[in-house]
């Protein structure tokens, strides 16, 4: 039992260290917009026209914003591999493929 507990603690240490790292505000906002973009992109509802309009607006806003941020942040943090990795990992398919 004690070995399992120790193994769990040791496995979680990198995650805790990463969680404590403070991301720049613009990167944190990008991550939030990218997550919202992915969420709304998966919400398609062809049966409720009013809801579909809301979803389309949310997609245009969050995906458009995330895509602009992705391009700007990729250039801004080009020489910071840790931030580049975080940005790339959060530039999901919905962000990368968004077209207005």
Protein backbone atom coordinates (compact mmCIF):
# COMPACT_ATOMS: atom_id res chain seq x y z
CA UNK A 1 0.00 0.00 0.00
CA UNK A 2 2.77 2.42 0.91
CA UNK A 3 4.61 1.64 -2.32
CA UNK A 4 1.50 2.46 -4.35
CA UNK A 5 1.04 5.73 -2.54
CA UNK A 6 4.66 6.67 -3.10
CA UNK A 7 4.39 5.72 -6.79
CA UNK A 8 1.28 7.91 -7.18
CA UNK A 9 2.96 10.87 -5.50
CA UNK A 10 6.06 10.51 -7.65
CA UNK A 11 4.00 10.27 -10.82
CA UNK A 12 2.07 13.42 -9.95
CA UNK A 13 5.06 15.61 -9.13
CA UNK A 14 5.71 16.70 -12.73
CA UNK A 15 2.03 17.62 -13.09
CA UNK A 16 2.10 19.66 -9.90
CA UNK A 17 5.25 21.47 -10.99
CA UNK A 18 3.68 22.26 -14.35
CA UNK A 19 0.48 23.49 -12.70
CA UNK A 20 2.48 25.89 -10.56
CA UNK A 21 4.18 27.43 -13.57
CA UNK A 22 2.51 30.71 -14.33
CA UNK A 23 1.60 31.06 -17.99
CA UNK A 24 1.70 34.47 -19.62
CA UNK A 25 -1.76 36.00 -19.66
CA UNK A 26 -2.02 35.96 -23.46
CA UNK A 27 -1.20 32.24 -23.58
CA UNK A 28 -3.73 31.45 -20.83
CA UNK A 29 -6.41 33.41 -22.73
CA UNK A 30 -5.53 31.55 -25.94
CA UNK A 31 -5.97 28.22 -24.15
CA UNK A 32 -9.38 29.30 -22.86
CA UNK A 33 -10.52 30.43 -26.31
CA UNK A 34 -9.18 27.26 -27.96
CA UNK A 35 -11.05 25.08 -25.47
CA UNK A 36 -14.27 27.02 -26.04
CA UNK A 37 -13.76 26.75 -29.80
CA UNK A 38 -13.42 22.97 -29.58
CA UNK A 39 -16.42 22.73 -27.27
CA UNK A 40 -18.76 24.72 -29.52
CA UNK A 41 -17.48 23.04 -32.69
CA UNK A 42 -18.74 19.76 -31.23
CA UNK A 43 -22.17 21.17 -30.35
CA UNK A 44 -23.77 21.14 -33.80
CA UNK A 45 -27.57 20.81 -33.55
CA UNK A 46 -29.45 20.87 -36.83
CA UNK A 47 -32.87 20.42 -35.22
CA UNK A 48 -32.97 23.62 -33.16
CA UNK A 49 -32.40 26.61 -35.46
CA UNK A 50 -32.20 29.18 -32.65
CA UNK A 51 -29.65 27.11 -30.76
CA UNK A 52 -27.72 26.56 -33.99
CA UNK A 53 -27.45 30.34 -34.49
CA UNK A 54 -26.08 30.70 -30.94
CA UNK A 55 -23.56 27.92 -31.57
CA UNK A 56 -22.49 29.43 -34.90
CA UNK A 57 -21.92 32.81 -33.23
CA UNK A 58 -19.94 31.21 -30.41
CA UNK A 59 -17.83 29.28 -32.92
CA UNK A 60 -17.09 32.38 -34.97
CA UNK A 61 -16.13 34.33 -31.88
CA UNK A 62 -14.08 31.75 -29.99
CA UNK A 63 -12.49 29.99 -32.98
CA UNK A 64 -11.75 33.21 -34.81
CA UNK A 65 -10.16 34.73 -31.73
CA UNK A 66 -8.20 31.56 -30.91
CA UNK A 67 -6.91 31.27 -34.47
CA UNK A 68 -5.69 34.89 -34.51
CA UNK A 69 -4.07 34.40 -31.10
CA UNK A 70 -2.46 31.12 -32.20
CA UNK A 71 -0.73 32.80 -35.14
CA UNK A 72 0.36 35.81 -33.12
CA UNK A 73 1.57 33.80 -30.11
CA UNK A 74 3.43 31.28 -32.29
CA UNK A 75 5.49 34.17 -33.65
CA UNK A 76 5.81 35.99 -30.33
CA UNK A 77 7.08 32.94 -28.43
CA UNK A 78 9.04 31.37 -31.30
CA UNK A 79 12.22 31.25 -29.21
CA UNK A 80 10.60 29.80 -26.10
CA UNK A 81 10.21 26.04 -26.67
CA UNK A 82 8.18 25.40 -23.52
CA UNK A 83 5.56 27.98 -24.48
CA UNK A 84 5.67 26.89 -28.12
CA UNK A 85 4.83 23.35 -27.03
CA UNK A 86 1.92 24.53 -24.87
CA UNK A 87 0.58 26.69 -27.69
CA UNK A 88 0.89 23.88 -30.25
CA UNK A 89 -0.79 21.36 -27.94
CA UNK A 90 -3.76 23.67 -27.47
CA UNK A 91 -4.13 24.64 -31.13
CA UNK A 92 -6.71 21.90 -31.64
CA UNK A 93 -8.23 20.92 -34.99
CA UNK A 94 -11.16 23.30 -34.53
CA UNK A 95 -8.75 26.24 -34.14
CA UNK A 96 -6.45 25.17 -36.98
CA UNK A 97 -9.23 24.51 -39.48
CA UNK A 98 -11.57 27.42 -38.67
CA UNK A 99 -12.75 29.35 -41.73
CA UNK A 100 -15.26 32.16 -41.54
